[in-house]
Amino acid sequence: MDIRRFSPSAWAGELSAILTSAIFDVLSRKERCSVMLTGGRSAAQLYRTWASFPNFQDIQNIDFYFSDERFVPLDHPESNYALAMNNLFETSIPKNSFVHCFEFKHSDKESIAQQYAVKLPEQIDILLLSIGEDGHIASLFPQSSAMDEADQLVIPIIGPKAPHERFSITPLVIKNAAKIFVMACGQEKRKPLEQVILGSSDIHSLPALIVRHCVWITDSIDNI
């Protein structure tokens, strides 16, 4: 388990630099890079910091996607798309880059999920996630049957927290991603991070265990 510890004032800047470097590495080998974004308070802090980096606008040819989304208007305060647009892309979107959002033109949630799945590349180059207080990632919550999904890449979800109606990538997308970075920042994330480190649970009760082997970013600078 690769845990990178930074101070509460430094982690967002450090992760911004890590993500930028990872993007340039992909673009040194490919014409375009796919980056999957997440939501939450940590994401908002990261996006504001990342957007302020002088070299953020130097990156280009990026396809941005979302690991999950709430079934709300795209300008709603709870929308992950709105969070990204208001923080990471408030000034502009990087050159020759696209932000691929969920399209809510109708209420057929199965169809919406399938339409978003079609947009996804065969493999996500860089997947950004954040662990929840209950150990969820994306909108894969504890005891969700979505953890056993073996066919669909994106599915509608009923979550325990409002707004309840959501969409989420499945473990199929996560396990196939080339590089995964998981944020576990804030005192409330200390306990679930500790549970992941111990690895004493199962993925149904602690979904974040499926990314235990990935790069974790935390502001808990002492060993847990």
C-alpha atoms as a PDB file:
ATOM      1  CA  MET A   1       0.000   0.000   0.000  1.00  0.00           C
ATOM      2  CA  ASP A   2       1.534   3.297  -1.160  1.00  0.00           C
ATOM      3  CA  ILE A   3       0.628   5.967   1.429  1.00  0.00           C
ATOM      4  CA  ARG A   4       1.955   9.471   0.868  1.00  0.00           C
ATOM      5  CA  ARG A   5       1.621  11.700   3.911  1.00  0.00           C
ATOM      6  CA  PHE A   6       1.601  15.489   3.720  1.00  0.00           C
ATOM      7  CA  SER A   7       0.624  18.231   6.118  1.00  0.00           C
ATOM      8  CA  PRO A   8      -2.951  19.568   6.023  1.00  0.00           C
ATOM      9  CA  SER A   9      -1.685  22.744   4.341  1.00  0.00           C
ATOM     10  CA  ALA A  10       0.438  20.947   1.750  1.00  0.00           C
ATOM     11  CA  TRP A  11      -1.416  17.841   0.560  1.00  0.00           C
ATOM     12  CA  ALA A  12      -3.537  19.593  -2.118  1.00  0.00           C
ATOM     13  CA  GLY A  13      -0.493  21.222  -3.698  1.00  0.00           C
ATOM     14  CA  GLU A  14       1.495  18.003  -3.563  1.00  0.00           C
ATOM     15  CA  LEU A  15      -1.302  16.003  -5.174  1.00  0.00           C
ATOM     16  CA  SER A  16      -1.754  18.695  -7.833  1.00  0.00           C
ATOM     17  CA  ALA A  17       1.898  18.283  -8.753  1.00  0.00           C
ATOM     18  CA  ILE A  18       1.600  14.478  -8.752  1.00  0.00           C
ATOM     19  CA  LEU A  19      -1.447  14.553 -11.034  1.00  0.00           C
ATOM     20  CA  THR A  20       0.155  17.035 -13.415  1.00  0.00           C
ATOM     21  CA  SER A  21       3.278  14.893 -13.668  1.00  0.00           C
ATOM     22  CA  ALA A  22       1.171  11.781 -14.267  1.00  0.00           C
ATOM     23  CA  ILE A  23      -0.715  13.518 -17.071  1.00  0.00           C
ATOM     24  CA  PHE A  24       2.482  14.653 -18.787  1.00  0.00           C
ATOM     25  CA  ASP A  25       3.804  11.111 -18.493  1.00  0.00           C
ATOM     26  CA  VAL A  26       0.730   9.726 -20.277  1.00  0.00           C
ATOM     27  CA  LEU A  27       0.928  12.411 -22.960  1.00  0.00           C
ATOM     28  CA  SER A  28       4.548  11.509 -23.616  1.00  0.00           C
ATOM     29  CA  ARG A  29       3.256   8.150 -24.835  1.00  0.00           C
ATOM     30  CA  LYS A  30      -0.221   8.926 -26.171  1.00  0.00           C
ATOM     31  CA  GLU A  31      -2.000  11.746 -27.985  1.00  0.00           C
ATOM     32  CA  ARG A  32      -4.707  12.076 -25.349  1.00  0.00           C
ATOM     33  CA  CYS A  33      -5.063  11.370 -21.642  1.00  0.00           C
ATOM     34  CA  SER A  34      -8.232  10.325 -19.807  1.00  0.00           C
ATOM     35  CA  VAL A  35      -8.679  11.652 -16.272  1.00  0.00           C
ATOM     36  CA  MET A  36     -11.606  10.622 -14.106  1.00  0.00           C
ATOM     37  CA  LEU A  37     -12.606  13.134 -11.427  1.00  0.00           C
ATOM     38  CA  THR A  38     -14.450  12.667  -8.152  1.00  0.00           C
ATOM     39  CA  GLY A  39     -16.555  14.802  -5.826  1.00  0.00           C
ATOM     40  CA  GLY A  40     -16.552  15.830  -2.179  1.00  0.00           C
ATOM     41  CA  ARG A  41     -14.952  18.437   0.068  1.00  0.00           C
ATOM     42  CA  SER A  42     -11.419  17.162  -0.466  1.00  0.00           C
ATOM     43  CA  ALA A  43     -11.938  17.271  -4.223  1.00  0.00           C
ATOM     44  CA  ALA A  44     -13.118  20.871  -4.057  1.00  0.00           C
ATOM     45  CA  GLN A  45      -9.978  21.848  -2.112  1.00  0.00           C
ATOM     46  CA  LEU A  46      -7.762  19.969  -4.539  1.00  0.00           C
ATOM     47  CA  TYR A  47      -9.430  21.472  -7.607  1.00  0.00           C
ATOM     48  CA  ARG A  48      -9.041  25.038  -6.347  1.00  0.00           C
ATOM     49  CA  THR A  49      -5.353  24.424  -5.653  1.00  0.00           C
ATOM     50  CA  TRP A  50      -4.705  22.581  -8.899  1.00  0.00           C
ATOM     51  CA  ALA A  51      -6.391  25.277 -10.981  1.00  0.00           C
ATOM     52  CA  SER A  52      -4.083  27.888  -9.444  1.00  0.00           C
ATOM     53  CA  PHE A  53      -0.952  26.051 -10.567  1.00  0.00           C
ATOM     54  CA  PRO A  54       0.815  28.009 -13.343  1.00  0.00           C
ATOM     55  CA  ASN A  55       1.330  24.858 -15.388  1.00  0.00           C
ATOM     56  CA  PHE A  56      -2.283  23.678 -15.142  1.00  0.00           C
ATOM     57  CA  GLN A  57      -3.107  25.511 -18.357  1.00  0.00           C
ATOM     58  CA  ASP A  58      -0.038  23.963 -19.993  1.00  0.00           C
ATOM     59  CA  ILE A  59      -1.685  20.561 -20.008  1.00  0.00           C
ATOM     60  CA  GLN A  60      -3.854  19.778 -23.007  1.00  0.00           C
ATOM     61  CA  ASN A  61      -5.555  16.957 -24.882  1.00  0.00           C
ATOM     62  CA  ILE A  62      -7.371  15.709 -21.788  1.00  0.00           C
ATOM     63  CA  ASP A  63     -10.704  13.928 -21.609  1.00  0.00           C
ATOM     64  CA  PHE A  64     -12.196  14.483 -18.162  1.00  0.00           C
ATOM     65  CA  TYR A  65     -14.849  12.091 -16.850  1.00  0.00           C
ATOM     66  CA  PHE A  66     -16.642  11.583 -13.529  1.00  0.00           C
ATOM     67  CA  SER A  67     -16.550   8.508 -11.318  1.00  0.00           C
ATOM     68  CA  ASP A  68     -20.045   9.260 -10.066  1.00  0.00           C
ATOM     69  CA  GLU A  69     -22.765  11.846 -10.213  1.00  0.00           C
ATOM     70  CA  ARG A  70     -25.902  12.785  -8.330  1.00  0.00           C
ATOM     71  CA  PHE A  71     -29.203  12.736 -10.243  1.00  0.00           C
ATOM     72  CA  VAL A  72     -29.638  16.509  -9.955  1.00  0.00           C
ATOM     73  CA  PRO A  73     -29.402  19.379 -12.459  1.00  0.00           C
ATOM     74  CA  LEU A  74     -25.805  19.923 -13.564  1.00  0.00           C
ATOM     75  CA  ASP A  75     -25.756  23.387 -11.983  1.00  0.00           C
ATOM     76  CA  HIS A  76     -27.048  22.046  -8.643  1.00  0.00           C
ATOM     77  CA  PRO A  77     -24.787  22.578  -5.581  1.00  0.00           C
ATOM     78  CA  GLU A  78     -24.636  18.783  -5.105  1.00  0.00           C
ATOM     79  CA  SER A  79     -23.540  18.087  -8.685  1.00  0.00           C
ATOM     80  CA  ASN A  80     -19.993  16.800  -9.126  1.00  0.00           C
ATOM     81  CA  TYR A  81     -19.945  18.408 -12.557  1.00  0.00           C
ATOM     82  CA  ALA A  82     -20.813  21.782 -10.998  1.00  0.00           C
ATOM     83  CA  LEU A  83     -18.122  21.264  -8.357  1.00  0.00           C
ATOM     84  CA  ALA A  84     -15.492  20.717 -11.048  1.00  0.00           C
ATOM     85  CA  MET A  85     -16.681  23.575 -13.240  1.00  0.00           C
ATOM     86  CA  ASN A  86     -16.779  26.013 -10.302  1.00  0.00           C
ATOM     87  CA  ASN A  87     -13.381  25.066  -8.911  1.00  0.00           C
ATOM     88  CA  LEU A  88     -11.097  23.277 -11.371  1.00  0.00           C
ATOM     89  CA  PHE A  89     -12.424  24.866 -14.558  1.00  0.00           C
ATOM     90  CA  GLU A  90     -13.673  28.202 -13.217  1.00  0.00           C
ATOM     91  CA  THR A  91     -11.263  30.149 -15.430  1.00  0.00           C
ATOM     92  CA  SER A  92     -11.089  27.826 -18.417  1.00  0.00           C
ATOM     93  CA  ILE A  93     -10.805  24.237 -19.573  1.00  0.00           C
ATOM     94  CA  PRO A  94      -7.307  23.183 -20.703  1.00  0.00           C
ATOM     95  CA  LYS A  95      -6.637  23.495 -24.424  1.00  0.00           C
ATOM     96  CA  ASN A  96      -8.165  20.842 -26.678  1.00  0.00           C
ATOM     97  CA  SER A  97      -9.749  19.174 -23.660  1.00  0.00           C
ATOM     98  CA  PHE A  98     -13.317  18.082 -22.923  1.00  0.00           C
ATOM     99  CA  VAL A  99     -15.386  17.586 -19.779  1.00  0.00           C
ATOM    100  CA  HIS A 100     -17.726  14.655 -20.355  1.00  0.00           C
ATOM    101  CA  CYS A 101     -20.759  15.020 -18.100  1.00  0.00           C
ATOM    102  CA  PHE A 102     -23.783  12.815 -17.521  1.00  0.00           C
ATOM    103  CA  GLU A 103     -26.716  13.889 -19.674  1.00  0.00           C
ATOM    104  CA  PHE A 104     -30.051  14.114 -17.886  1.00  0.00           C
ATOM    105  CA  LYS A 105     -32.369  14.667 -20.853  1.00  0.00           C
ATOM    106  CA  HIS A 106     -34.881  12.134 -19.556  1.00  0.00           C
ATOM    107  CA  SER A 107     -35.646  10.184 -16.369  1.00  0.00           C
ATOM    108  CA  ASP A 108     -34.687   6.690 -17.551  1.00  0.00           C
ATOM    109  CA  LYS A 109     -31.779   6.060 -15.198  1.00  0.00           C
ATOM    110  CA  GLU A 110     -30.705   2.782 -16.782  1.00  0.00           C
ATOM    111  CA  SER A 111     -30.480   4.511 -20.150  1.00  0.00           C
ATOM    112  CA  ILE A 112     -28.552   7.458 -18.664  1.00  0.00           C
ATOM    113  CA  ALA A 113     -26.030   5.068 -17.139  1.00  0.00           C
ATOM    114  CA  GLN A 114     -25.599   3.173 -20.408  1.00  0.00           C
ATOM    115  CA  GLN A 115     -25.154   6.385 -22.376  1.00  0.00           C
ATOM    116  CA  TYR A 116     -22.379   7.507 -20.052  1.00  0.00           C
ATOM    117  CA  ALA A 117     -20.702   4.116 -20.180  1.00  0.00           C
ATOM    118  CA  VAL A 118     -20.482   4.418 -23.960  1.00  0.00           C
ATOM    119  CA  LYS A 119     -18.484   7.631 -23.531  1.00  0.00           C
ATOM    120  CA  LEU A 120     -15.802   5.961 -21.448  1.00  0.00           C
ATOM    121  CA  PRO A 121     -12.522   4.868 -23.031  1.00  0.00           C
ATOM    122  CA  GLU A 122     -11.390   1.266 -22.840  1.00  0.00           C
ATOM    123  CA  GLN A 123      -9.132   2.206 -19.939  1.00  0.00           C
ATOM    124  CA  ILE A 124      -8.980   5.278 -17.693  1.00  0.00           C
ATOM    125  CA  ASP A 125      -5.407   6.589 -17.575  1.00  0.00           C
ATOM    126  CA  ILE A 126      -5.723   8.451 -14.268  1.00  0.00           C
ATOM    127  CA  LEU A 127      -8.523   7.778 -11.787  1.00  0.00           C
ATOM    128  CA  LEU A 128      -8.990  10.122  -8.823  1.00  0.00           C
ATOM    129  CA  LEU A 129     -11.079   8.905  -5.895  1.00  0.00           C
ATOM    130  CA  SER A 130     -11.827   9.990  -2.344  1.00  0.00           C
ATOM    131  CA  ILE A 131     -12.737   7.699   0.522  1.00  0.00           C
ATOM    132  CA  GLY A 132     -15.917   8.481   2.435  1.00  0.00           C
ATOM    133  CA  GLU A 133     -16.346   8.358   6.188  1.00  0.00           C
ATOM    134  CA  ASP A 134     -18.092   5.012   5.756  1.00  0.00           C
ATOM    135  CA  GLY A 135     -15.391   3.649   3.471  1.00  0.00           C
ATOM    136  CA  HIS A 136     -17.208   4.201   0.174  1.00  0.00           C
ATOM    137  CA  ILE A 137     -15.522   5.272  -3.054  1.00  0.00           C
ATOM    138  CA  ALA A 138     -17.264   6.870  -6.046  1.00  0.00           C
ATOM    139  CA  SER A 139     -20.888   6.043  -5.118  1.00  0.00           C
ATOM    140  CA  LEU A 140     -20.124   2.451  -4.172  1.00  0.00           C
ATOM    141  CA  PHE A 141     -21.436   2.297  -0.617  1.00  0.00           C
ATOM    142  CA  PRO A 142     -21.071  -0.462   1.981  1.00  0.00           C
ATOM    143  CA  GLN A 143     -23.321  -3.475   1.393  1.00  0.00           C
ATOM    144  CA  SER A 144     -24.234  -2.284  -2.095  1.00  0.00           C
ATOM    145  CA  SER A 145     -24.929  -5.003  -4.654  1.00  0.00           C
ATOM    146  CA  ALA A 146     -22.965  -2.807  -7.087  1.00  0.00           C
ATOM    147  CA  MET A 147     -19.782  -4.292  -5.650  1.00  0.00           C
ATOM    148  CA  ASP A 148     -20.660  -7.539  -7.434  1.00  0.00           C
ATOM    149  CA  GLU A 149     -21.521  -5.965 -10.792  1.00  0.00           C
ATOM    150  CA  ALA A 150     -19.841  -8.054 -13.483  1.00  0.00           C
ATOM    151  CA  ASP A 151     -21.256  -6.616 -16.708  1.00  0.00           C
ATOM    152  CA  GLN A 152     -22.062  -2.894 -16.597  1.00  0.00           C
ATOM    153  CA  LEU A 153     -19.474  -0.109 -16.370  1.00  0.00           C
ATOM    154  CA  VAL A 154     -21.878   2.530 -15.023  1.00  0.00           C
ATOM    155  CA  ILE A 155     -25.038   1.870 -13.034  1.00  0.00           C
ATOM    156  CA  PRO A 156     -27.736   3.845 -11.204  1.00  0.00           C
ATOM    157  CA  ILE A 157     -27.363   3.763  -7.424  1.00  0.00           C
ATOM    158  CA  ILE A 158     -29.595   4.540  -4.469  1.00  0.00           C
ATOM    159  CA  GLY A 159     -27.235   5.855  -1.828  1.00  0.00           C
ATOM    160  CA  PRO A 160     -27.750   6.218   1.930  1.00  0.00           C
ATOM    161  CA  LYS A 161     -26.986   9.943   1.822  1.00  0.00           C
ATOM    162  CA  ALA A 162     -28.994  12.657   0.087  1.00  0.00           C
ATOM    163  CA  PRO A 163     -29.240  13.164  -2.792  1.00  0.00           C
ATOM    164  CA  HIS A 164     -30.017   9.440  -2.831  1.00  0.00           C
ATOM    165  CA  GLU A 165     -30.373   8.935  -6.576  1.00  0.00           C
ATOM    166  CA  ARG A 166     -26.920   8.665  -8.128  1.00  0.00           C
ATOM    167  CA  PHE A 167     -24.836   7.070 -10.836  1.00  0.00           C
ATOM    168  CA  SER A 168     -21.512   5.361 -10.297  1.00  0.00           C
ATOM    169  CA  ILE A 169     -18.780   3.549 -12.130  1.00  0.00           C
ATOM    170  CA  THR A 170     -18.502  -0.074 -11.096  1.00  0.00           C
ATOM    171  CA  PRO A 171     -15.488  -2.050  -9.863  1.00  0.00           C
ATOM    172  CA  LEU A 172     -14.910  -3.085 -13.478  1.00  0.00           C
ATOM    173  CA  VAL A 173     -13.808   0.459 -14.356  1.00  0.00           C
ATOM    174  CA  ILE A 174     -11.789   0.880 -11.190  1.00  0.00           C
ATOM    175  CA  LYS A 175      -9.858  -2.367 -11.489  1.00  0.00           C
ATOM    176  CA  ASN A 176      -8.995  -1.604 -15.117  1.00  0.00           C
ATOM    177  CA  ALA A 177      -7.674   1.950 -14.516  1.00  0.00           C
ATOM    178  CA  ALA A 178      -3.971   2.468 -15.236  1.00  0.00           C
ATOM    179  CA  LYS A 179      -3.213   4.737 -12.258  1.00  0.00           C
ATOM    180  CA  ILE A 180      -5.388   5.403  -9.223  1.00  0.00           C
ATOM    181  CA  PHE A 181      -4.978   8.100  -6.579  1.00  0.00           C
ATOM    182  CA  VAL A 182      -7.184   8.038  -3.482  1.00  0.00           C
ATOM    183  CA  MET A 183      -7.649  11.003  -1.147  1.00  0.00           C
ATOM    184  CA  ALA A 184      -8.075  10.327   2.574  1.00  0.00           C
ATOM    185  CA  CYS A 185      -7.804  13.855   3.941  1.00  0.00           C
ATOM    186  CA  GLY A 186      -9.469  15.285   7.015  1.00  0.00           C
ATOM    187  CA  GLN A 187      -9.814  13.904  10.534  1.00  0.00           C
ATOM    188  CA  GLU A 188     -13.069  12.146   9.628  1.00  0.00           C
ATOM    189  CA  LYS A 189     -11.185  10.031   7.055  1.00  0.00           C
ATOM    190  CA  ARG A 190      -8.655   8.749   9.578  1.00  0.00           C
ATOM    191  CA  LYS A 191     -10.766   5.813  10.767  1.00  0.00           C
ATOM    192  CA  PRO A 192     -11.690   4.419   7.326  1.00  0.00           C
ATOM    193  CA  LEU A 193      -8.068   4.833   6.210  1.00  0.00           C
ATOM    194  CA  GLU A 194      -6.968   2.871   9.260  1.00  0.00           C
ATOM    195  CA  GLN A 195      -9.450   0.130   8.364  1.00  0.00           C
ATOM    196  CA  VAL A 196      -8.086  -0.032   4.819  1.00  0.00           C
ATOM    197  CA  ILE A 197      -4.512  -0.266   6.117  1.00  0.00           C
ATOM    198  CA  LEU A 198      -5.451  -3.098   8.444  1.00  0.00           C
ATOM    199  CA  GLY A 199      -7.338  -4.842   5.631  1.00  0.00           C
ATOM    200  CA  SER A 200      -9.363  -6.734   8.184  1.00  0.00           C
ATOM    201  CA  SER A 201     -12.734  -6.271   6.508  1.00  0.00           C
ATOM    202  CA  ASP A 202     -14.210  -7.252   3.136  1.00  0.00           C
ATOM    203  CA  ILE A 203     -15.040  -5.155   0.076  1.00  0.00           C
ATOM    204  CA  HIS A 204     -18.777  -5.305   0.742  1.00  0.00           C
ATOM    205  CA  SER A 205     -18.438  -3.645   4.133  1.00  0.00           C
ATOM    206  CA  LEU A 206     -15.457  -1.496   3.078  1.00  0.00           C
ATOM    207  CA  PRO A 207     -15.551  -0.813  -0.701  1.00  0.00           C
ATOM    208  CA  ALA A 208     -12.303   1.198  -0.570  1.00  0.00           C
ATOM    209  CA  LEU A 209     -10.423  -2.054  -0.079  1.00  0.00           C
ATOM    210  CA  ILE A 210     -10.554  -2.620  -3.830  1.00  0.00           C
ATOM    211  CA  VAL A 211      -8.065   0.256  -4.243  1.00  0.00           C
ATOM    212  CA  ARG A 212      -5.901  -0.660  -1.242  1.00  0.00           C
ATOM    213  CA  HIS A 213      -2.937  -1.307  -3.565  1.00  0.00           C
ATOM    214  CA  CYS A 214      -3.086   2.159  -5.130  1.00  0.00           C
ATOM    215  CA  VAL A 215      -1.551   5.527  -4.206  1.00  0.00           C
ATOM    216  CA  TRP A 216      -3.165   7.067  -1.120  1.00  0.00           C
ATOM    217  CA  ILE A 217      -2.841  10.753  -0.239  1.00  0.00           C
ATOM    218  CA  THR A 218      -3.438  11.721   3.391  1.00  0.00           C
ATOM    219  CA  ASP A 219      -2.896  14.689   5.670  1.00  0.00           C
ATOM    220  CA  SER A 220      -2.432  12.399   8.665  1.00  0.00           C
ATOM    221  CA  ILE A 221       1.315  12.803   8.871  1.00  0.00           C
ATOM    222  CA  ASP A 222       1.713  10.420  11.814  1.00  0.00           C
ATOM    223  CA  ASN A 223       1.705   6.690  11.212  1.00  0.00           C
ATOM    224  CA  ILE A 224      -1.682   5.088  11.713  1.00  0.00           C
END
